[in-house]
C-alpha cells in the first residue's frame, strides 16, 4: 500500500538511481545492511526494492502520528530506548522475521552518521547472520543526507539519490568456527568494508556516538 501511494511521488520529485537491484532475492530471508546518513534512508530503500523490508525503529516514531503510519504499515519493530531497552527482544523479533522468509534492514553503525563518514559496525548484523543463516546484502546510500540532513524535518525534493546494492557477503570462511567475538568482529568488518566500497565514504574505524540511536 505504501509503495502504491509513495512511489509515484518519489519518481516525480527525486532523481533516484538504483544499482544492483538484482542482488535482492525474489524470495527467502536476507539481511540488508547499509550505511545510515539520513532519517529518510528508511523511506527510500523499502520503496525501491520489490519486497517489504522490516526494520527495528525507535518507539518514539510510533508515537508521532506524522510518521507512525509508515512504520506500522511496513511492519517495523518498535524499540523503546534508554536504560533497560529490550535489545534482546528486538533481535529475537528480527530473527523471527528472517525465519519467516522476510527481508530485514539493519544499520550496523547503530545511528545516523552526523559527519558523513562511515563508522565502525556493531556485531548485531553478524549475530543475526549466524543465528538465522540469512545472507547479508551490503547497501550504500549516496545523497540522502542532502535530501534530508541530520536534524532537518523536511525532505527536500529534486535531489540526486543513489542506492547501490552489492552481492551477498561471503561468510563461508566462518563456517564451522566457534561463534566468539573474534568471528563476529571479522564478519562485521567484512560487511562494513563492502558498505564503504558501495558508499564511497571515509571509514573512521570508531563507533559513532549513540545519542540519536535509531
C-alpha atoms as a PDB file:
ATOM      1  CA  UNK A   1       0.000   0.000   0.000  1.00  0.00           C
ATOM      2  CA  UNK A   2       2.760   2.481   0.880  1.00  0.00           C
ATOM      3  CA  UNK A   3       4.596   1.584  -2.337  1.00  0.00           C
ATOM      4  CA  UNK A   4       1.422   2.318  -4.328  1.00  0.00           C
ATOM      5  CA  UNK A   5       0.992   5.787  -2.849  1.00  0.00           C
ATOM      6  CA  UNK A   6       4.583   6.929  -2.382  1.00  0.00           C
ATOM      7  CA  UNK A   7       6.451   5.525  -5.384  1.00  0.00           C
ATOM      8  CA  UNK A   8       4.870   7.991  -7.878  1.00  0.00           C
ATOM      9  CA  UNK A   9       5.784  10.862  -5.526  1.00  0.00           C
ATOM     10  CA  UNK A  10       9.391   9.684  -5.300  1.00  0.00           C
ATOM     11  CA  UNK A  11       9.704   9.281  -9.048  1.00  0.00           C
ATOM     12  CA  UNK A  12       8.264  12.756  -9.615  1.00  0.00           C
ATOM     13  CA  UNK A  13      10.263  14.703  -7.041  1.00  0.00           C
ATOM     14  CA  UNK A  14      13.550  12.794  -6.701  1.00  0.00           C
ATOM     15  CA  UNK A  15      16.192  11.593  -9.139  1.00  0.00           C
ATOM     16  CA  UNK A  16      16.758   8.096  -7.795  1.00  0.00           C
ATOM     17  CA  UNK A  17      19.282   5.682  -9.249  1.00  0.00           C
ATOM     18  CA  UNK A  18      19.282   2.089  -8.019  1.00  0.00           C
ATOM     19  CA  UNK A  19      22.245  -0.131  -8.837  1.00  0.00           C
ATOM     20  CA  UNK A  20      22.338  -3.866  -8.167  1.00  0.00           C
ATOM     21  CA  UNK A  21      18.643  -4.424  -7.524  1.00  0.00           C
ATOM     22  CA  UNK A  22      19.119  -7.954  -8.874  1.00  0.00           C
ATOM     23  CA  UNK A  23      21.012  -8.864  -5.694  1.00  0.00           C
ATOM     24  CA  UNK A  24      17.780  -8.699  -3.675  1.00  0.00           C
ATOM     25  CA  UNK A  25      16.409 -12.274  -3.645  1.00  0.00           C
ATOM     26  CA  UNK A  26      12.940 -12.763  -5.030  1.00  0.00           C
ATOM     27  CA  UNK A  27      12.054 -14.921  -2.059  1.00  0.00           C
ATOM     28  CA  UNK A  28      13.557 -16.127   1.183  1.00  0.00           C
ATOM     29  CA  UNK A  29      15.273 -14.218   4.005  1.00  0.00           C
ATOM     30  CA  UNK A  30      18.059 -11.677   3.642  1.00  0.00           C
ATOM     31  CA  UNK A  31      19.677  -9.085   5.884  1.00  0.00           C
ATOM     32  CA  UNK A  32      20.015  -5.706   4.156  1.00  0.00           C
ATOM     33  CA  UNK A  33      22.932  -3.941   5.882  1.00  0.00           C
ATOM     34  CA  UNK A  34      23.519  -0.307   4.946  1.00  0.00           C
ATOM     35  CA  UNK A  35      25.152   2.938   5.928  1.00  0.00           C
ATOM     36  CA  UNK A  36      22.853   5.460   7.594  1.00  0.00           C
ATOM     37  CA  UNK A  37      23.248   9.106   6.637  1.00  0.00           C
ATOM     38  CA  UNK A  38      19.643  10.335   6.829  1.00  0.00           C
ATOM     39  CA  UNK A  39      16.333   9.594   8.519  1.00  0.00           C
ATOM     40  CA  UNK A  40      14.802   9.111   5.062  1.00  0.00           C
ATOM     41  CA  UNK A  41      17.026   6.082   4.342  1.00  0.00           C
ATOM     42  CA  UNK A  42      14.262   4.021   5.945  1.00  0.00           C
ATOM     43  CA  UNK A  43      11.772   5.522   3.481  1.00  0.00           C
ATOM     44  CA  UNK A  44      13.702   5.132   0.242  1.00  0.00           C
ATOM     45  CA  UNK A  45      15.031   1.578   0.475  1.00  0.00           C
ATOM     46  CA  UNK A  46      11.651  -0.123   1.130  1.00  0.00           C
ATOM     47  CA  UNK A  47      10.197   1.751  -1.833  1.00  0.00           C
ATOM     48  CA  UNK A  48      12.829   0.712  -4.377  1.00  0.00           C
ATOM     49  CA  UNK A  49      13.132  -2.989  -3.591  1.00  0.00           C
ATOM     50  CA  UNK A  50      10.418  -5.381  -4.793  1.00  0.00           C
ATOM     51  CA  UNK A  51       9.607  -6.762  -1.332  1.00  0.00           C
ATOM     52  CA  UNK A  52       8.735  -5.436   2.107  1.00  0.00           C
ATOM     53  CA  UNK A  53      11.718  -4.518   4.264  1.00  0.00           C
ATOM     54  CA  UNK A  54      11.327  -4.655   8.044  1.00  0.00           C
ATOM     55  CA  UNK A  55      13.449  -2.602  10.449  1.00  0.00           C
ATOM     56  CA  UNK A  56      13.897  -2.049  14.151  1.00  0.00           C
ATOM     57  CA  UNK A  57      12.905   1.572  14.811  1.00  0.00           C
ATOM     58  CA  UNK A  58      12.867   3.635  17.973  1.00  0.00           C
ATOM     59  CA  UNK A  59       9.453   3.517  19.603  1.00  0.00           C
ATOM     60  CA  UNK A  60       9.162   7.307  19.629  1.00  0.00           C
ATOM     61  CA  UNK A  61       8.443   7.177  15.895  1.00  0.00           C
ATOM     62  CA  UNK A  62       5.321   5.143  16.632  1.00  0.00           C
ATOM     63  CA  UNK A  63       4.138   7.897  18.982  1.00  0.00           C
ATOM     64  CA  UNK A  64       4.340  10.533  16.216  1.00  0.00           C
ATOM     65  CA  UNK A  65       1.238  10.429  14.006  1.00  0.00           C
ATOM     66  CA  UNK A  66       3.099  12.103  11.146  1.00  0.00           C
ATOM     67  CA  UNK A  67       5.333   9.071  10.572  1.00  0.00           C
ATOM     68  CA  UNK A  68       3.767   6.288  12.661  1.00  0.00           C
ATOM     69  CA  UNK A  69       1.549   5.156   9.773  1.00  0.00           C
ATOM     70  CA  UNK A  70       4.607   4.432   7.641  1.00  0.00           C
ATOM     71  CA  UNK A  71       6.402   2.370  10.276  1.00  0.00           C
ATOM     72  CA  UNK A  72       3.272   0.374  11.149  1.00  0.00           C
ATOM     73  CA  UNK A  73       2.337  -0.223   7.508  1.00  0.00           C
ATOM     74  CA  UNK A  74       5.791  -1.619   6.805  1.00  0.00           C
ATOM     75  CA  UNK A  75       5.933  -3.915   9.817  1.00  0.00           C
ATOM     76  CA  UNK A  76       8.754  -2.103  11.598  1.00  0.00           C
ATOM     77  CA  UNK A  77       9.668  -3.378  15.057  1.00  0.00           C
ATOM     78  CA  UNK A  78       9.439  -0.731  17.828  1.00  0.00           C
ATOM     79  CA  UNK A  79      12.228  -0.438  20.388  1.00  0.00           C
ATOM     80  CA  UNK A  80      11.997   1.801  23.435  1.00  0.00           C
ATOM     81  CA  UNK A  81      15.393   3.407  24.061  1.00  0.00           C
ATOM     82  CA  UNK A  82      17.211   4.160  27.291  1.00  0.00           C
ATOM     83  CA  UNK A  83      18.050   2.097  30.329  1.00  0.00           C
ATOM     84  CA  UNK A  84      16.518  -1.348  30.140  1.00  0.00           C
ATOM     85  CA  UNK A  85      15.968  -1.205  26.375  1.00  0.00           C
ATOM     86  CA  UNK A  86      14.939  -4.656  25.168  1.00  0.00           C
ATOM     87  CA  UNK A  87      17.637  -5.238  22.553  1.00  0.00           C
ATOM     88  CA  UNK A  88      17.422  -9.000  23.001  1.00  0.00           C
ATOM     89  CA  UNK A  89      13.705  -8.827  22.302  1.00  0.00           C
ATOM     90  CA  UNK A  90      14.296  -6.721  19.206  1.00  0.00           C
ATOM     91  CA  UNK A  91      16.934  -9.159  17.958  1.00  0.00           C
ATOM     92  CA  UNK A  92      14.564 -12.053  18.582  1.00  0.00           C
ATOM     93  CA  UNK A  93      11.833 -10.271  16.604  1.00  0.00           C
ATOM     94  CA  UNK A  94      14.293  -9.658  13.766  1.00  0.00           C
ATOM     95  CA  UNK A  95      15.291 -13.324  13.804  1.00  0.00           C
ATOM     96  CA  UNK A  96      11.613 -14.303  13.693  1.00  0.00           C
ATOM     97  CA  UNK A  97      11.076 -12.072  10.640  1.00  0.00           C
ATOM     98  CA  UNK A  98      14.032 -13.671   8.880  1.00  0.00           C
ATOM     99  CA  UNK A  99      12.827 -17.106   9.932  1.00  0.00           C
ATOM    100  CA  UNK A 100       9.544 -16.315   8.191  1.00  0.00           C
ATOM    101  CA  UNK A 101      11.456 -15.606   4.990  1.00  0.00           C
ATOM    102  CA  UNK A 102      11.293 -11.801   5.135  1.00  0.00           C
ATOM    103  CA  UNK A 103      13.808  -9.061   4.391  1.00  0.00           C
ATOM    104  CA  UNK A 104      15.251  -7.285   7.419  1.00  0.00           C
ATOM    105  CA  UNK A 105      17.095  -3.975   7.187  1.00  0.00           C
ATOM    106  CA  UNK A 106      19.788  -3.046   9.679  1.00  0.00           C
ATOM    107  CA  UNK A 107      22.179  -0.133  10.181  1.00  0.00           C
ATOM    108  CA  UNK A 108      25.319  -1.706  11.683  1.00  0.00           C
ATOM    109  CA  UNK A 109      26.594   1.718  12.828  1.00  0.00           C
ATOM    110  CA  UNK A 110      23.604   1.875  15.189  1.00  0.00           C
ATOM    111  CA  UNK A 111      22.771   5.505  14.453  1.00  0.00           C
ATOM    112  CA  UNK A 112      22.869   8.113  11.723  1.00  0.00           C
ATOM    113  CA  UNK A 113      26.285   9.488  10.820  1.00  0.00           C
ATOM    114  CA  UNK A 114      26.437  13.162  11.739  1.00  0.00           C
ATOM    115  CA  UNK A 115      29.749  13.814   9.985  1.00  0.00           C
ATOM    116  CA  UNK A 116      29.072  11.922   6.755  1.00  0.00           C
ATOM    117  CA  UNK A 117      31.741   9.325   7.458  1.00  0.00           C
ATOM    118  CA  UNK A 118      31.229   5.593   7.900  1.00  0.00           C
ATOM    119  CA  UNK A 119      31.720   4.381  11.467  1.00  0.00           C
ATOM    120  CA  UNK A 120      32.584   1.019  12.931  1.00  0.00           C
ATOM    121  CA  UNK A 121      29.779  -1.517  12.799  1.00  0.00           C
ATOM    122  CA  UNK A 122      28.242  -3.229  15.814  1.00  0.00           C
ATOM    123  CA  UNK A 123      28.220  -7.014  15.660  1.00  0.00           C
ATOM    124  CA  UNK A 124      24.435  -7.488  15.726  1.00  0.00           C
ATOM    125  CA  UNK A 125      24.440  -7.977  11.955  1.00  0.00           C
ATOM    126  CA  UNK A 126      26.859 -10.889  12.306  1.00  0.00           C
ATOM    127  CA  UNK A 127      24.890 -12.368  15.204  1.00  0.00           C
ATOM    128  CA  UNK A 128      21.728 -12.320  13.094  1.00  0.00           C
ATOM    129  CA  UNK A 129      23.519 -13.897  10.142  1.00  0.00           C
ATOM    130  CA  UNK A 130      24.893 -16.742  12.256  1.00  0.00           C
ATOM    131  CA  UNK A 131      21.630 -17.210  14.138  1.00  0.00           C
ATOM    132  CA  UNK A 132      19.416 -17.383  11.041  1.00  0.00           C
ATOM    133  CA  UNK A 133      21.715 -18.377   8.192  1.00  0.00           C
ATOM    134  CA  UNK A 134      20.331 -15.477   6.153  1.00  0.00           C
ATOM    135  CA  UNK A 135      22.664 -13.862   3.612  1.00  0.00           C
ATOM    136  CA  UNK A 136      23.909 -10.322   4.304  1.00  0.00           C
ATOM    137  CA  UNK A 137      23.473  -7.919   1.401  1.00  0.00           C
ATOM    138  CA  UNK A 138      25.505  -4.674   1.745  1.00  0.00           C
ATOM    139  CA  UNK A 139      23.939  -1.390   0.617  1.00  0.00           C
ATOM    140  CA  UNK A 140      25.381   2.081   0.194  1.00  0.00           C
ATOM    141  CA  UNK A 141      23.236   5.230   0.263  1.00  0.00           C
ATOM    142  CA  UNK A 142      24.548   8.311  -1.508  1.00  0.00           C
ATOM    143  CA  UNK A 143      22.781  11.674  -1.420  1.00  0.00           C
ATOM    144  CA  UNK A 144      20.004  11.026   1.091  1.00  0.00           C
ATOM    145  CA  UNK A 145      21.844  13.302   3.511  1.00  0.00           C
ATOM    146  CA  UNK A 146      21.306  16.112   1.003  1.00  0.00           C
ATOM    147  CA  UNK A 147      17.598  15.313   0.696  1.00  0.00           C
ATOM    148  CA  UNK A 148      17.186  15.330   4.476  1.00  0.00           C
ATOM    149  CA  UNK A 149      20.209  16.434   6.512  1.00  0.00           C
ATOM    150  CA  UNK A 150      20.529  15.269  10.108  1.00  0.00           C
ATOM    151  CA  UNK A 151      18.292  17.482  12.235  1.00  0.00           C
ATOM    152  CA  UNK A 152      16.001  18.529   9.367  1.00  0.00           C
ATOM    153  CA  UNK A 153      12.304  17.659   9.499  1.00  0.00           C
ATOM    154  CA  UNK A 154      11.892  18.322   5.781  1.00  0.00           C
ATOM    155  CA  UNK A 155      12.748  16.028   2.876  1.00  0.00           C
ATOM    156  CA  UNK A 156      13.913  18.379   0.141  1.00  0.00           C
ATOM    157  CA  UNK A 157      12.884  17.403  -3.405  1.00  0.00           C
ATOM    158  CA  UNK A 158      14.869  17.345  -6.644  1.00  0.00           C
ATOM    159  CA  UNK A 159      17.975  15.848  -5.032  1.00  0.00           C
ATOM    160  CA  UNK A 160      20.030  13.136  -6.721  1.00  0.00           C
ATOM    161  CA  UNK A 161      19.985   9.900  -4.716  1.00  0.00           C
ATOM    162  CA  UNK A 162      21.898   6.723  -5.492  1.00  0.00           C
ATOM    163  CA  UNK A 163      21.275   3.387  -3.775  1.00  0.00           C
ATOM    164  CA  UNK A 164      23.944   0.795  -4.509  1.00  0.00           C
ATOM    165  CA  UNK A 165      23.124  -2.815  -3.652  1.00  0.00           C
ATOM    166  CA  UNK A 166      26.010  -5.254  -3.576  1.00  0.00           C
ATOM    167  CA  UNK A 167      26.133  -9.042  -3.822  1.00  0.00           C
ATOM    168  CA  UNK A 168      25.818 -11.057  -0.592  1.00  0.00           C
ATOM    169  CA  UNK A 169      28.924 -11.055   1.597  1.00  0.00           C
ATOM    170  CA  UNK A 170      30.573 -14.478   1.599  1.00  0.00           C
ATOM    171  CA  UNK A 171      30.837 -15.897   5.119  1.00  0.00           C
ATOM    172  CA  UNK A 172      31.871 -19.388   4.073  1.00  0.00           C
ATOM    173  CA  UNK A 173      35.237 -18.934   5.853  1.00  0.00           C
ATOM    174  CA  UNK A 174      33.379 -18.646   9.171  1.00  0.00           C
ATOM    175  CA  UNK A 175      31.538 -21.939   8.720  1.00  0.00           C
ATOM    176  CA  UNK A 176      32.399 -24.359  11.490  1.00  0.00           C
ATOM    177  CA  UNK A 177      34.329 -21.815  13.562  1.00  0.00           C
ATOM    178  CA  UNK A 178      33.426 -21.099  17.193  1.00  0.00           C
ATOM    179  CA  UNK A 179      30.980 -18.203  17.318  1.00  0.00           C
ATOM    180  CA  UNK A 180      33.107 -15.989  19.531  1.00  0.00           C
ATOM    181  CA  UNK A 181      33.636 -12.247  19.490  1.00  0.00           C
ATOM    182  CA  UNK A 182      36.595 -12.527  17.125  1.00  0.00           C
ATOM    183  CA  UNK A 183      34.456 -14.242  14.479  1.00  0.00           C
ATOM    184  CA  UNK A 184      31.611 -11.746  14.949  1.00  0.00           C
ATOM    185  CA  UNK A 185      34.078  -8.851  14.644  1.00  0.00           C
ATOM    186  CA  UNK A 186      35.632 -10.238  11.457  1.00  0.00           C
ATOM    187  CA  UNK A 187      32.225 -10.801   9.876  1.00  0.00           C
ATOM    188  CA  UNK A 188      31.041  -7.306  10.764  1.00  0.00           C
ATOM    189  CA  UNK A 189      34.235  -5.683   9.485  1.00  0.00           C
ATOM    190  CA  UNK A 190      33.747  -7.545   6.216  1.00  0.00           C
ATOM    191  CA  UNK A 191      30.236  -6.146   5.877  1.00  0.00           C
ATOM    192  CA  UNK A 192      31.425  -2.619   6.657  1.00  0.00           C
ATOM    193  CA  UNK A 193      34.195  -2.891   4.057  1.00  0.00           C
ATOM    194  CA  UNK A 194      31.592  -3.703   1.420  1.00  0.00           C
ATOM    195  CA  UNK A 195      29.328  -0.861   2.556  1.00  0.00           C
ATOM    196  CA  UNK A 196      32.285   1.525   2.304  1.00  0.00           C
ATOM    197  CA  UNK A 197      33.057   0.267  -1.194  1.00  0.00           C
ATOM    198  CA  UNK A 198      29.482   0.966  -2.259  1.00  0.00           C
ATOM    199  CA  UNK A 199      29.007   4.304  -0.488  1.00  0.00           C
ATOM    200  CA  UNK A 200      32.485   5.746  -1.057  1.00  0.00           C
ATOM    201  CA  UNK A 201      32.557   7.175   2.469  1.00  0.00           C
ATOM    202  CA  UNK A 202      35.646   7.700   4.582  1.00  0.00           C
ATOM    203  CA  UNK A 203      35.852   4.976   7.243  1.00  0.00           C
ATOM    204  CA  UNK A 204      36.687   6.144  10.769  1.00  0.00           C
ATOM    205  CA  UNK A 205      37.278   2.777  12.433  1.00  0.00           C
ATOM    206  CA  UNK A 206      35.486   4.094  15.550  1.00  0.00           C
ATOM    207  CA  UNK A 207      31.967   3.678  16.854  1.00  0.00           C
ATOM    208  CA  UNK A 208      29.603   6.583  16.222  1.00  0.00           C
ATOM    209  CA  UNK A 209      28.204   8.489  19.225  1.00  0.00           C
ATOM    210  CA  UNK A 210      24.900   6.903  20.160  1.00  0.00           C
ATOM    211  CA  UNK A 211      22.950   9.992  21.237  1.00  0.00           C
ATOM    212  CA  UNK A 212      20.468   9.671  18.364  1.00  0.00           C
ATOM    213  CA  UNK A 213      20.141   5.931  18.001  1.00  0.00           C
ATOM    214  CA  UNK A 214      17.545   4.640  15.534  1.00  0.00           C
END
